PDB file of all heavy atoms in Angstrom:
ATOM      1  N   LYS A   1      78.150  -2.226  35.228  1.00  0.00           N
ATOM      2  CA  LYS A   1      79.606  -2.414  35.254  1.00  0.00           C
ATOM      3  C   LYS A   1      80.244  -2.045  33.915  1.00  0.00           C
ATOM      4  O   LYS A   1      81.430  -1.738  33.857  1.00  0.00           O
ATOM      5  CB  LYS A   1      79.938  -3.872  35.566  1.00  0.00           C
ATOM      6  CG  LYS A   1      79.463  -4.357  36.923  1.00  0.00           C
ATOM      7  CD  LYS A   1      80.316  -3.793  38.038  1.00  0.00           C
ATOM      8  CE  LYS A   1      80.079  -4.493  39.367  1.00  0.00           C
ATOM      9  NZ  LYS A   1      78.721  -4.400  39.890  1.00  0.00           N
ATOM     10  N   SER A   2      79.455  -2.111  32.839  1.00  0.00           N
ATOM     11  CA  SER A   2      79.979  -1.766  31.516  1.00  0.00           C
ATOM     12  C   SER A   2      78.834  -1.515  30.552  1.00  0.00           C
ATOM     13  O   SER A   2      77.667  -1.823  30.852  1.00  0.00           O
ATOM     14  CB  SER A   2      80.872  -2.890  30.974  1.00  0.00           C
ATOM     15  OG  SER A   2      80.104  -4.030  30.626  1.00  0.00           O
ATOM     16  N   PHE A   3      79.187  -0.957  29.399  1.00  0.00           N
ATOM     17  CA  PHE A   3      78.243  -0.770  28.301  1.00  0.00           C
ATOM     18  C   PHE A   3      78.763  -1.506  27.074  1.00  0.00           C
ATOM     19  O   PHE A   3      79.965  -1.741  26.931  1.00  0.00           O
ATOM     20  CB  PHE A   3      78.099   0.715  27.939  1.00  0.00           C
ATOM     21  CG  PHE A   3      77.410   1.548  28.972  1.00  0.00           C
ATOM     22  CD1 PHE A   3      78.143   2.335  29.852  1.00  0.00           C
ATOM     23  CD2 PHE A   3      76.023   1.576  29.066  1.00  0.00           C
ATOM     24  CE1 PHE A   3      77.517   3.119  30.807  1.00  0.00           C
ATOM     25  CE2 PHE A   3      75.382   2.355  30.010  1.00  0.00           C
ATOM     26  CZ  PHE A   3      76.140   3.130  30.888  1.00  0.00           C
ATOM     27  N   ALA A   4      77.847  -1.842  26.184  1.00  0.00           N
ATOM     28  CA  ALA A   4      78.195  -2.392  24.877  1.00  0.00           C
ATOM     29  C   ALA A   4      77.394  -1.631  23.834  1.00  0.00           C
ATOM     30  O   ALA A   4      76.268  -1.205  24.105  1.00  0.00           O
ATOM     31  CB  ALA A   4      77.886  -3.875  24.803  1.00  0.00           C
ATOM     32  N   LEU A   5      77.974  -1.449  22.663  1.00  0.00           N
ATOM     33  CA  LEU A   5      77.289  -0.792  21.551  1.00  0.00           C
ATOM     34  C   LEU A   5      77.379  -1.695  20.336  1.00  0.00           C
ATOM     35  O   LEU A   5      78.450  -2.201  20.012  1.00  0.00           O
ATOM     36  CB  LEU A   5      77.934   0.566  21.242  1.00  0.00           C
ATOM     37  CG  LEU A   5      77.328   1.338  20.069  1.00  0.00           C
ATOM     38  CD1 LEU A   5      77.387   2.836  20.322  1.00  0.00           C
ATOM     39  CD2 LEU A   5      78.027   1.027  18.755  1.00  0.00           C
ATOM     40  N   ILE A   6      76.243  -1.903  19.694  1.00  0.00           N
ATOM     41  CA  ILE A   6      76.190  -2.662  18.448  1.00  0.00           C
ATOM     42  C   ILE A   6      75.463  -1.810  17.422  1.00  0.00           C
ATOM     43  O   ILE A   6      74.367  -1.312  17.681  1.00  0.00           O
ATOM     44  CB  ILE A   6      75.479  -4.017  18.627  1.00  0.00           C
ATOM     45  CG1 ILE A   6      76.286  -4.923  19.569  1.00  0.00           C
ATOM     46  CG2 ILE A   6      75.262  -4.694  17.277  1.00  0.00           C
ATOM     47  CD1 ILE A   6      75.606  -6.224  19.942  1.00  0.00           C
ATOM     48  N   ASN A   7      76.082  -1.635  16.267  1.00  0.00           N
ATOM     49  CA  ASN A   7      75.496  -0.856  15.168  1.00  0.00           C
ATOM     50  C   ASN A   7      75.306  -1.797  13.987  1.00  0.00           C
ATOM     51  O   ASN A   7      76.275  -2.400  13.506  1.00  0.00           O
ATOM     52  CB  ASN A   7      76.427   0.302  14.819  1.00  0.00           C
ATOM     53  CG  ASN A   7      76.042   1.038  13.548  1.00  0.00           C
ATOM     54  OD1 ASN A   7      76.917   1.414  12.781  1.00  0.00           O
ATOM     55  ND2 ASN A   7      74.769   1.263  13.300  1.00  0.00           N
ATOM     56  N   ASP A   8      74.040  -1.947  13.548  1.00  0.00           N
ATOM     57  CA  ASP A   8      73.802  -2.827  12.412  1.00  0.00           C
ATOM     58  C   ASP A   8      72.689  -2.315  11.507  1.00  0.00           C
ATOM     59  O   ASP A   8      71.972  -1.377  11.840  1.00  0.00           O
ATOM     60  CB  ASP A   8      73.543  -4.261  12.861  1.00  0.00           C
ATOM     61  CG  ASP A   8      72.387  -4.409  13.843  1.00  0.00           C
ATOM     62  OD1 ASP A   8      71.497  -3.529  13.863  1.00  0.00           O
ATOM     63  OD2 ASP A   8      72.357  -5.402  14.590  1.00  0.00           O
ATOM     64  N   ASP A   9      72.602  -2.938  10.343  1.00  0.00           N
ATOM     65  CA  ASP A   9      71.646  -2.570   9.298  1.00  0.00           C
ATOM     66  C   ASP A   9      70.779  -3.783   8.981  1.00  0.00           C
ATOM     67  O   ASP A   9      71.230  -4.715   8.323  1.00  0.00           O
ATOM     68  CB  ASP A   9      72.430  -2.114   8.053  1.00  0.00           C
ATOM     69  CG  ASP A   9      71.569  -1.998   6.784  1.00  0.00           C
ATOM     70  OD1 ASP A   9      70.321  -2.003   6.884  1.00  0.00           O
ATOM     71  OD2 ASP A   9      72.160  -1.889   5.689  1.00  0.00           O
ATOM     72  N   PRO A  10      69.519  -3.794   9.466  1.00  0.00           N
ATOM     73  CA  PRO A  10      68.653  -4.943   9.205  1.00  0.00           C
ATOM     74  C   PRO A  10      68.088  -4.970   7.786  1.00  0.00           C
ATOM     75  O   PRO A  10      67.453  -5.951   7.395  1.00  0.00           O
ATOM     76  CB  PRO A  10      67.521  -4.765  10.225  1.00  0.00           C
ATOM     77  CG  PRO A  10      67.431  -3.284  10.405  1.00  0.00           C
ATOM     78  CD  PRO A  10      68.847  -2.783  10.298  1.00  0.00           C
ATOM     79  N   ASP A  11      68.325  -3.905   7.005  1.00  0.00           N
ATOM     80  CA  ASP A  11      67.764  -3.824   5.659  1.00  0.00           C
ATOM     81  C   ASP A  11      68.731  -4.311   4.576  1.00  0.00           C
ATOM     82  O   ASP A  11      68.427  -4.232   3.388  1.00  0.00           O
ATOM     83  CB  ASP A  11      67.350  -2.376   5.357  1.00  0.00           C
ATOM     84  CG  ASP A  11      66.334  -1.872   6.361  1.00  0.00           C
ATOM     85  OD1 ASP A  11      65.434  -2.640   6.736  1.00  0.00           O
ATOM     86  OD2 ASP A  11      66.446  -0.706   6.788  1.00  0.00           O
ATOM     87  N   ALA A  12      69.895  -4.798   4.974  1.00  0.00           N
ATOM     88  CA  ALA A  12      70.885  -5.275   4.003  1.00  0.00           C
ATOM     89  C   ALA A  12      70.315  -6.479   3.237  1.00  0.00           C
ATOM     90  O   ALA A  12      69.615  -7.306   3.822  1.00  0.00           O
ATOM     91  CB  ALA A  12      72.176  -5.652   4.716  1.00  0.00           C
ATOM     92  N   PRO A  13      70.605  -6.589   1.950  1.00  0.00           N
ATOM     93  CA  PRO A  13      70.008  -7.657   1.134  1.00  0.00           C
ATOM     94  C   PRO A  13      70.386  -9.075   1.564  1.00  0.00           C
ATOM     95  O   PRO A  13      69.622 -10.004   1.365  1.00  0.00           O
ATOM     96  CB  PRO A  13      70.510  -7.361  -0.290  1.00  0.00           C
ATOM     97  CG  PRO A  13      71.598  -6.370  -0.152  1.00  0.00           C
ATOM     98  CD  PRO A  13      71.413  -5.662   1.144  1.00  0.00           C
ATOM     99  N   MET A  14      71.536  -9.255   2.180  1.00  0.00           N
ATOM    100  CA  MET A  14      71.977 -10.592   2.599  1.00  0.00           C
ATOM    101  C   MET A  14      71.618 -10.881   4.054  1.00  0.00           C
ATOM    102  O   MET A  14      72.088 -11.843   4.639  1.00  0.00           O
ATOM    103  CB  MET A  14      73.497 -10.716   2.419  1.00  0.00           C
ATOM    104  CG  MET A  14      73.967 -10.478   1.007  1.00  0.00           C
ATOM    105  SD  MET A  14      73.631 -11.845  -0.109  1.00  0.00           S
ATOM    106  CE  MET A  14      74.762 -13.057   0.509  1.00  0.00           C
ATOM    107  N   GLY A  15      70.805 -10.023   4.680  1.00  0.00           N
ATOM    108  CA  GLY A  15      70.490 -10.156   6.098  1.00  0.00           C
ATOM    109  C   GLY A  15      71.172  -9.044   6.878  1.00  0.00           C
ATOM    110  O   GLY A  15      71.932  -8.256   6.319  1.00  0.00           O
ATOM    111  N   THR A  16      70.924  -8.981   8.165  1.00  0.00           N
ATOM    112  CA  THR A  16      71.456  -7.903   8.994  1.00  0.00           C
ATOM    113  C   THR A  16      72.971  -7.806   8.864  1.00  0.00           C
ATOM    114  O   THR A  16      73.679  -8.800   9.010  1.00  0.00           O
ATOM    115  CB  THR A  16      71.066  -8.107  10.466  1.00  0.00           C
ATOM    116  OG1 THR A  16      69.637  -8.120  10.559  1.00  0.00           O
ATOM    117  CG2 THR A  16      71.608  -6.993  11.344  1.00  0.00           C
ATOM    118  N   TRP A  17      73.450  -6.573   8.570  1.00  0.00           N
ATOM    119  CA  TRP A  17      74.879  -6.325   8.359  1.00  0.00           C
ATOM    120  C   TRP A  17      75.416  -5.541   9.550  1.00  0.00           C
ATOM    121  O   TRP A  17      74.883  -4.504   9.905  1.00  0.00           O
ATOM    122  CB  TRP A  17      75.085  -5.539   7.068  1.00  0.00           C
ATOM    123  CG  TRP A  17      76.522  -5.405   6.672  1.00  0.00           C
ATOM    124  CD1 TRP A  17      77.370  -4.386   6.964  1.00  0.00           C
ATOM    125  CD2 TRP A  17      77.282  -6.337   5.890  1.00  0.00           C
ATOM    126  NE1 TRP A  17      78.609  -4.624   6.436  1.00  0.00           N
ATOM    127  CE2 TRP A  17      78.589  -5.819   5.762  1.00  0.00           C
ATOM    128  CE3 TRP A  17      76.978  -7.569   5.297  1.00  0.00           C
ATOM    129  CZ2 TRP A  17      79.601  -6.470   5.057  1.00  0.00           C
ATOM    130  CZ3 TRP A  17      77.987  -8.220   4.594  1.00  0.00           C
ATOM    131  CH2 TRP A  17      79.282  -7.670   4.471  1.00  0.00           C
ATOM    132  N   VAL A  18      76.482  -6.053  10.153  1.00  0.00           N
ATOM    133  CA  VAL A  18      77.062  -5.439  11.345  1.00  0.00           C
ATOM    134  C   VAL A  18      78.112  -4.400  10.953  1.00  0.00           C
ATOM    135  O   VAL A  18      79.086  -4.726  10.273  1.00  0.00           O
ATOM    136  CB  VAL A  18      77.685  -6.510  12.264  1.00  0.00           C
ATOM    137  CG1 VAL A  18      78.275  -5.864  13.511  1.00  0.00           C
ATOM    138  CG2 VAL A  18      76.638  -7.552  12.645  1.00  0.00           C
ATOM    139  N   HIS A  19      77.916  -3.162  11.427  1.00  0.00           N
ATOM    140  CA  HIS A  19      78.809  -2.053  11.093  1.00  0.00           C
ATOM    141  C   HIS A  19      79.775  -1.666  12.204  1.00  0.00           C
ATOM    142  O   HIS A  19      80.800  -1.035  11.943  1.00  0.00           O
ATOM    143  CB  HIS A  19      77.979  -0.812  10.713  1.00  0.00           C
ATOM    144  CG  HIS A  19      77.345  -0.922   9.368  1.00  0.00           C
ATOM    145  ND1 HIS A  19      77.879  -0.348   8.239  1.00  0.00           N
ATOM    146  CD2 HIS A  19      76.221  -1.558   8.958  1.00  0.00           C
ATOM    147  CE1 HIS A  19      77.115  -0.613   7.200  1.00  0.00           C
ATOM    148  NE2 HIS A  19      76.098  -1.354   7.605  1.00  0.00           N
ATOM    149  N   TRP A  20      79.446  -2.021  13.455  1.00  0.00           N
ATOM    150  CA  TRP A  20      80.301  -1.587  14.560  1.00  0.00           C
ATOM    151  C   TRP A  20      79.953  -2.382  15.798  1.00  0.00           C
ATOM    152  O   TRP A  20      78.770  -2.609  16.099  1.00  0.00           O
ATOM    153  CB  TRP A  20      80.062  -0.106  14.817  1.00  0.00           C
ATOM    154  CG  TRP A  20      81.115   0.649  15.574  1.00  0.00           C
ATOM    155  CD1 TRP A  20      82.402   0.269  15.845  1.00  0.00           C
ATOM    156  CD2 TRP A  20      80.956   1.950  16.145  1.00  0.00           C
ATOM    157  NE1 TRP A  20      83.049   1.262  16.535  1.00  0.00           N
ATOM    158  CE2 TRP A  20      82.188   2.310  16.740  1.00  0.00           C
ATOM    159  CE3 TRP A  20      79.893   2.848  16.221  1.00  0.00           C
ATOM    160  CZ2 TRP A  20      82.386   3.510  17.399  1.00  0.00           C
ATOM    161  CZ3 TRP A  20      80.079   4.053  16.865  1.00  0.00           C
ATOM    162  CH2 TRP A  20      81.322   4.391  17.438  1.00  0.00           C
ATOM    163  N   VAL A  21      80.977  -2.823  16.528  1.00  0.00           N
ATOM    164  CA  VAL A  21      80.796  -3.544  17.787  1.00  0.00           C
ATOM    165  C   VAL A  21      81.815  -2.983  18.780  1.00  0.00           C
ATOM    166  O   VAL A  21      83.018  -3.002  18.515  1.00  0.00           O
ATOM    167  CB  VAL A  21      81.032  -5.065  17.613  1.00  0.00           C
ATOM    168  CG1 VAL A  21      80.882  -5.783  18.947  1.00  0.00           C
ATOM    169  CG2 VAL A  21      80.075  -5.648  16.580  1.00  0.00           C
ATOM    170  N   VAL A  22      81.316  -2.466  19.912  1.00  0.00           N
ATOM    171  CA  VAL A  22      82.192  -1.965  20.974  1.00  0.00           C
ATOM    172  C   VAL A  22      81.655  -2.526  22.290  1.00  0.00           C
ATOM    173  O   VAL A  22      80.450  -2.474  22.537  1.00  0.00           O
ATOM    174  CB  VAL A  22      82.194  -0.413  21.038  1.00  0.00           C
ATOM    175  CG1 VAL A  22      83.275   0.070  22.006  1.00  0.00           C
ATOM    176  CG2 VAL A  22      82.384   0.216  19.664  1.00  0.00           C
ATOM    177  N   TYR A  23      82.528  -3.045  23.128  1.00  0.00           N
ATOM    178  CA  TYR A  23      82.081  -3.636  24.384  1.00  0.00           C
ATOM    179  C   TYR A  23      83.108  -3.371  25.483  1.00  0.00           C
ATOM    180  O   TYR A  23      84.212  -2.879  25.230  1.00  0.00           O
ATOM    181  CB  TYR A  23      81.811  -5.138  24.225  1.00  0.00           C
ATOM    182  CG  TYR A  23      82.928  -5.917  23.562  1.00  0.00           C
ATOM    183  CD1 TYR A  23      83.836  -6.641  24.318  1.00  0.00           C
ATOM    184  CD2 TYR A  23      83.072  -5.907  22.178  1.00  0.00           C
ATOM    185  CE1 TYR A  23      84.866  -7.349  23.717  1.00  0.00           C
ATOM    186  CE2 TYR A  23      84.091  -6.599  21.564  1.00  0.00           C
ATOM    187  CZ  TYR A  23      84.992  -7.321  22.332  1.00  0.00           C
ATOM    188  OH  TYR A  23      86.015  -8.002  21.729  1.00  0.00           O
ATOM    189  N   ASN A  24      82.696  -3.678  26.718  1.00  0.00           N
ATOM    190  CA  ASN A  24      83.498  -3.361  27.906  1.00  0.00           C
ATOM    191  C   ASN A  24      83.817  -1.868  27.988  1.00  0.00           C
ATOM    192  O   ASN A  24      84.883  -1.470  28.452  1.00  0.00           O
ATOM    193  CB  ASN A  24      84.762  -4.219  27.987  1.00  0.00           C
ATOM    194  CG  ASN A  24      84.443  -5.662  28.334  1.00  0.00           C
ATOM    195  OD1 ASN A  24      83.354  -5.964  28.826  1.00  0.00           O
ATOM    196  ND2 ASN A  24      85.371  -6.565  28.087  1.00  0.00           N
ATOM    197  N   ILE A  25      82.845  -1.054  27.553  1.00  0.00           N
ATOM    198  CA  ILE A  25      82.941   0.391  27.742  1.00  0.00           C
ATOM    199  C   ILE A  25      82.731   0.630  29.237  1.00  0.00           C
ATOM    200  O   ILE A  25      81.734   0.164  29.798  1.00  0.00           O
ATOM    201  CB  ILE A  25      81.867   1.130  26.922  1.00  0.00           C
ATOM    202  CG1 ILE A  25      81.983   0.789  25.425  1.00  0.00           C
ATOM    203  CG2 ILE A  25      81.950   2.640  27.152  1.00  0.00           C
ATOM    204  CD1 ILE A  25      80.795   1.244  24.583  1.00  0.00           C
ATOM    205  N   PRO A  26      83.654   1.323  29.911  1.00  0.00           N
ATOM    206  CA  PRO A  26      83.515   1.519  31.357  1.00  0.00           C
ATOM    207  C   PRO A  26      82.174   2.156  31.738  1.00  0.00           C
ATOM    208  O   PRO A  26      81.607   2.952  30.979  1.00  0.00           O
ATOM    209  CB  PRO A  26      84.682   2.449  31.700  1.00  0.00           C
ATOM    210  CG  PRO A  26      85.692   2.180  30.632  1.00  0.00           C
ATOM    211  CD  PRO A  26      84.885   1.912  29.383  1.00  0.00           C
ATOM    212  N   ALA A  27      81.675   1.800  32.912  1.00  0.00           N
ATOM    213  CA  ALA A  27      80.350   2.245  33.366  1.00  0.00           C
ATOM    214  C   ALA A  27      80.241   3.756  33.506  1.00  0.00           C
ATOM    215  O   ALA A  27      79.139   4.301  33.429  1.00  0.00           O
ATOM    216  CB  ALA A  27      80.011   1.581  34.697  1.00  0.00           C
ATOM    217  N   ASP A  28      81.359   4.450  33.697  1.00  0.00           N
ATOM    218  CA  ASP A  28      81.296   5.913  33.849  1.00  0.00           C
ATOM    219  C   ASP A  28      81.426   6.645  32.519  1.00  0.00           C
ATOM    220  O   ASP A  28      81.444   7.877  32.476  1.00  0.00           O
ATOM    221  CB  ASP A  28      82.366   6.404  34.838  1.00  0.00           C
ATOM    222  CG  ASP A  28      83.790   6.082  34.382  1.00  0.00           C
ATOM    223  OD1 ASP A  28      83.963   5.285  33.425  1.00  0.00           O
ATOM    224  OD2 ASP A  28      84.735   6.631  34.981  1.00  0.00           O
ATOM    225  N   VAL A  29      81.491   5.921  31.427  1.00  0.00           N
ATOM    226  CA  VAL A  29      81.579   6.518  30.086  1.00  0.00           C
ATOM    227  C   VAL A  29      80.189   6.491  29.457  1.00  0.00           C
ATOM    228  O   VAL A  29      79.556   5.441  29.409  1.00  0.00           O
ATOM    229  CB  VAL A  29      82.588   5.751  29.199  1.00  0.00           C
ATOM    230  CG1 VAL A  29      82.569   6.266  27.767  1.00  0.00           C
ATOM    231  CG2 VAL A  29      83.995   5.833  29.796  1.00  0.00           C
ATOM    232  N   THR A  30      79.721   7.640  28.998  1.00  0.00           N
ATOM    233  CA  THR A  30      78.382   7.702  28.388  1.00  0.00           C
ATOM    234  C   THR A  30      78.422   8.333  26.992  1.00  0.00           C
ATOM    235  O   THR A  30      77.436   8.915  26.547  1.00  0.00           O
ATOM    236  CB  THR A  30      77.410   8.484  29.292  1.00  0.00           C
ATOM    237  OG1 THR A  30      77.965   9.772  29.559  1.00  0.00           O
ATOM    238  CG2 THR A  30      77.137   7.742  30.588  1.00  0.00           C
ATOM    239  N   SER A  31      79.537   8.180  26.311  1.00  0.00           N
ATOM    240  CA  SER A  31      79.615   8.670  24.926  1.00  0.00           C
ATOM    241  C   SER A  31      80.838   8.089  24.235  1.00  0.00           C
ATOM    242  O   SER A  31      81.806   7.675  24.882  1.00  0.00           O
ATOM    243  CB  SER A  31      79.680  10.195  24.893  1.00  0.00           C
ATOM    244  OG  SER A  31      80.899  10.655  25.453  1.00  0.00           O
ATOM    245  N   LEU A  32      80.759   8.059  22.923  1.00  0.00           N
ATOM    246  CA  LEU A  32      81.911   7.762  22.079  1.00  0.00           C
ATOM    247  C   LEU A  32      82.043   8.949  21.133  1.00  0.00           C
ATOM    248  O   LEU A  32      81.067   9.335  20.470  1.00  0.00           O
ATOM    249  CB  LEU A  32      81.709   6.468  21.295  1.00  0.00           C
ATOM    250  CG  LEU A  32      81.718   5.179  22.124  1.00  0.00           C
ATOM    251  CD1 LEU A  32      81.309   3.988  21.264  1.00  0.00           C
ATOM    252  CD2 LEU A  32      83.092   4.939  22.738  1.00  0.00           C
ATOM    253  N   GLU A  33      83.223   9.524  21.087  1.00  0.00           N
ATOM    254  CA  GLU A  33      83.437  10.702  20.249  1.00  0.00           C
ATOM    255  C   GLU A  33      83.438  10.320  18.774  1.00  0.00           C
ATOM    256  O   GLU A  33      83.602   9.152  18.413  1.00  0.00           O
ATOM    257  CB  GLU A  33      84.773  11.363  20.609  1.00  0.00           C
ATOM    258  CG  GLU A  33      84.802  11.935  22.013  1.00  0.00           C
ATOM    259  CD  GLU A  33      86.120  12.627  22.318  1.00  0.00           C
ATOM    260  OE1 GLU A  33      87.004  12.681  21.442  1.00  0.00           O
ATOM    261  OE2 GLU A  33      86.257  13.115  23.454  1.00  0.00           O
ATOM    262  N   GLU A  34      83.285  11.306  17.944  1.00  0.00           N
ATOM    263  CA  GLU A  34      83.391  11.129  16.501  1.00  0.00           C
ATOM    264  C   GLU A  34      84.770  10.561  16.153  1.00  0.00           C
ATOM    265  O   GLU A  34      85.766  10.866  16.801  1.00  0.00           O
ATOM    266  CB  GLU A  34      83.205  12.505  15.847  1.00  0.00           C
ATOM    267  CG  GLU A  34      83.416  12.527  14.349  1.00  0.00           C
ATOM    268  CD  GLU A  34      83.323  13.950  13.826  1.00  0.00           C
ATOM    269  OE1 GLU A  34      84.374  14.635  13.806  1.00  0.00           O
ATOM    270  OE2 GLU A  34      82.221  14.349  13.444  1.00  0.00           O
ATOM    271  N   ASN A  35      84.808   9.732  15.133  1.00  0.00           N
ATOM    272  CA  ASN A  35      86.044   9.210  14.575  1.00  0.00           C
ATOM    273  C   ASN A  35      86.831   8.337  15.564  1.00  0.00           C
ATOM    274  O   ASN A  35      88.024   8.537  15.780  1.00  0.00           O
ATOM    275  CB  ASN A  35      86.943  10.344  14.052  1.00  0.00           C
ATOM    276  CG  ASN A  35      88.044   9.820  13.134  1.00  0.00           C
ATOM    277  OD1 ASN A  35      87.971   8.721  12.611  1.00  0.00           O
ATOM    278  ND2 ASN A  35      89.082  10.628  12.957  1.00  0.00           N
ATOM    279  N   VAL A  36      86.137   7.346  16.148  1.00  0.00           N
ATOM    280  CA  VAL A  36      86.827   6.361  16.978  1.00  0.00           C
ATOM    281  C   VAL A  36      87.733   5.559  16.045  1.00  0.00           C
ATOM    282  O   VAL A  36      87.275   5.005  15.049  1.00  0.00           O
ATOM    283  CB  VAL A  36      85.821   5.429  17.695  1.00  0.00           C
ATOM    284  CG1 VAL A  36      86.554   4.301  18.404  1.00  0.00           C
ATOM    285  CG2 VAL A  36      84.971   6.226  18.670  1.00  0.00           C
ATOM    286  N   LEU A  37      89.013   5.533  16.356  1.00  0.00           N
ATOM    287  CA  LEU A  37      89.978   4.859  15.491  1.00  0.00           C
ATOM    288  C   LEU A  37      89.779   3.346  15.512  1.00  0.00           C
ATOM    289  O   LEU A  37      89.326   2.790  16.515  1.00  0.00           O
ATOM    290  CB  LEU A  37      91.395   5.227  15.913  1.00  0.00           C
ATOM    291  CG  LEU A  37      91.733   6.718  15.800  1.00  0.00           C
ATOM    292  CD1 LEU A  37      93.158   6.979  16.297  1.00  0.00           C
ATOM    293  CD2 LEU A  37      91.558   7.226  14.379  1.00  0.00           C
ATOM    294  N   PRO A  38      90.131   2.664  14.424  1.00  0.00           N
ATOM    295  CA  PRO A  38      89.944   1.208  14.351  1.00  0.00           C
ATOM    296  C   PRO A  38      91.016   0.452  15.135  1.00  0.00           C
ATOM    297  O   PRO A  38      91.827  -0.285  14.571  1.00  0.00           O
ATOM    298  CB  PRO A  38      90.019   0.927  12.849  1.00  0.00           C
ATOM    299  CG  PRO A  38      90.897   2.009  12.315  1.00  0.00           C
ATOM    300  CD  PRO A  38      90.616   3.221  13.160  1.00  0.00           C
ATOM    301  N   GLU A  39      91.023   0.637  16.444  1.00  0.00           N
ATOM    302  CA  GLU A  39      91.977  -0.029  17.323  1.00  0.00           C
ATOM    303  C   GLU A  39      91.253  -1.097  18.132  1.00  0.00           C
ATOM    304  O   GLU A  39      90.086  -0.924  18.490  1.00  0.00           O
ATOM    305  CB  GLU A  39      92.612   0.998  18.269  1.00  0.00           C
ATOM    306  CG  GLU A  39      93.373   2.094  17.531  1.00  0.00           C
ATOM    307  CD  GLU A  39      93.809   3.223  18.449  1.00  0.00           C
ATOM    308  OE1 GLU A  39      93.232   3.368  19.545  1.00  0.00           O
ATOM    309  OE2 GLU A  39      94.727   3.961  18.062  1.00  0.00           O
ATOM    310  N   GLU A  40      91.951  -2.171  18.458  1.00  0.00           N
ATOM    311  CA  GLU A  40      91.333  -3.250  19.218  1.00  0.00           C
ATOM    312  C   GLU A  40      90.891  -2.782  20.600  1.00  0.00           C
ATOM    313  O   GLU A  40      89.809  -3.114  21.056  1.00  0.00           O
ATOM    314  CB  GLU A  40      92.301  -4.429  19.343  1.00  0.00           C
ATOM    315  CG  GLU A  40      92.524  -5.157  18.038  1.00  0.00           C
ATOM    316  CD  GLU A  40      93.419  -6.367  18.189  1.00  0.00           C
ATOM    317  OE1 GLU A  40      94.063  -6.519  19.255  1.00  0.00           O
ATOM    318  OE2 GLU A  40      93.462  -7.170  17.244  1.00  0.00           O
ATOM    319  N   THR A  41      91.749  -2.016  21.274  1.00  0.00           N
ATOM    320  CA  THR A  41      91.434  -1.506  22.605  1.00  0.00           C
ATOM    321  C   THR A  41      91.542   0.015  22.596  1.00  0.00           C
ATOM    322  O   THR A  41      92.554   0.563  22.153  1.00  0.00           O
ATOM    323  CB  THR A  41      92.391  -2.085  23.672  1.00  0.00           C
ATOM    324  OG1 THR A  41      92.329  -3.522  23.603  1.00  0.00           O
ATOM    325  CG2 THR A  41      91.988  -1.644  25.071  1.00  0.00           C
ATOM    326  N   LEU A  42      90.499   0.692  23.075  1.00  0.00           N
ATOM    327  CA  LEU A  42      90.476   2.148  23.105  1.00  0.00           C
ATOM    328  C   LEU A  42      91.172   2.659  24.367  1.00  0.00           C
ATOM    329  O   LEU A  42      91.405   1.898  25.313  1.00  0.00           O
ATOM    330  CB  LEU A  42      89.034   2.644  23.049  1.00  0.00           C
ATOM    331  CG  LEU A  42      88.205   2.146  21.855  1.00  0.00           C
ATOM    332  CD1 LEU A  42      86.790   2.698  21.927  1.00  0.00           C
ATOM    333  CD2 LEU A  42      88.870   2.520  20.536  1.00  0.00           C
ATOM    334  N   ALA A  43      91.465   3.936  24.389  1.00  0.00           N
ATOM    335  CA  ALA A  43      92.170   4.550  25.520  1.00  0.00           C
ATOM    336  C   ALA A  43      91.414   4.356  26.835  1.00  0.00           C
ATOM    337  O   ALA A  43      92.028   4.240  27.896  1.00  0.00           O
ATOM    338  CB  ALA A  43      92.407   6.029  25.249  1.00  0.00           C
ATOM    339  N   ASN A  44      90.067   4.313  26.776  1.00  0.00           N
ATOM    340  CA  ASN A  44      89.277   4.148  28.003  1.00  0.00           C
ATOM    341  C   ASN A  44      89.128   2.685  28.422  1.00  0.00           C
ATOM    342  O   ASN A  44      88.439   2.372  29.386  1.00  0.00           O
ATOM    343  CB  ASN A  44      87.907   4.811  27.852  1.00  0.00           C
ATOM    344  CG  ASN A  44      87.059   4.194  26.749  1.00  0.00           C
ATOM    345  OD1 ASN A  44      87.293   3.082  26.297  1.00  0.00           O
ATOM    346  ND2 ASN A  44      86.046   4.929  26.304  1.00  0.00           N
ATOM    347  N   GLY A  45      89.752   1.774  27.678  1.00  0.00           N
ATOM    348  CA  GLY A  45      89.703   0.353  28.014  1.00  0.00           C
ATOM    349  C   GLY A  45      88.659  -0.436  27.251  1.00  0.00           C
ATOM    350  O   GLY A  45      88.651  -1.669  27.299  1.00  0.00           O
ATOM    351  N   ALA A  46      87.766   0.243  26.543  1.00  0.00           N
ATOM    352  CA  ALA A  46      86.744  -0.456  25.753  1.00  0.00           C
ATOM    353  C   ALA A  46      87.414  -1.252  24.632  1.00  0.00           C
ATOM    354  O   ALA A  46      88.503  -0.916  24.172  1.00  0.00           O
ATOM    355  CB  ALA A  46      85.758   0.550  25.166  1.00  0.00           C
ATOM    356  N   MET A  47      86.738  -2.301  24.208  1.00  0.00           N
ATOM    357  CA  MET A  47      87.255  -3.156  23.140  1.00  0.00           C
ATOM    358  C   MET A  47      86.347  -3.057  21.921  1.00  0.00           C
ATOM    359  O   MET A  47      85.134  -2.927  22.060  1.00  0.00           O
ATOM    360  CB  MET A  47      87.315  -4.608  23.613  1.00  0.00           C
ATOM    361  CG  MET A  47      88.211  -4.832  24.796  1.00  0.00           C
ATOM    362  SD  MET A  47      88.115  -6.559  25.326  1.00  0.00           S
ATOM    363  CE  MET A  47      89.355  -6.569  26.600  1.00  0.00           C
TER     364      MET A  47
END
């Protein structure tokens, strides 16, 4: 029904550092283009 993407760095000195969180990506979407703008809700409905 949806996809979620989590981007993190487990090698950060203070513990795993989270660089990107995207969720509720529609099930028919199988990519995120370069330079996703820092908006709460994307054009495809993902958050």
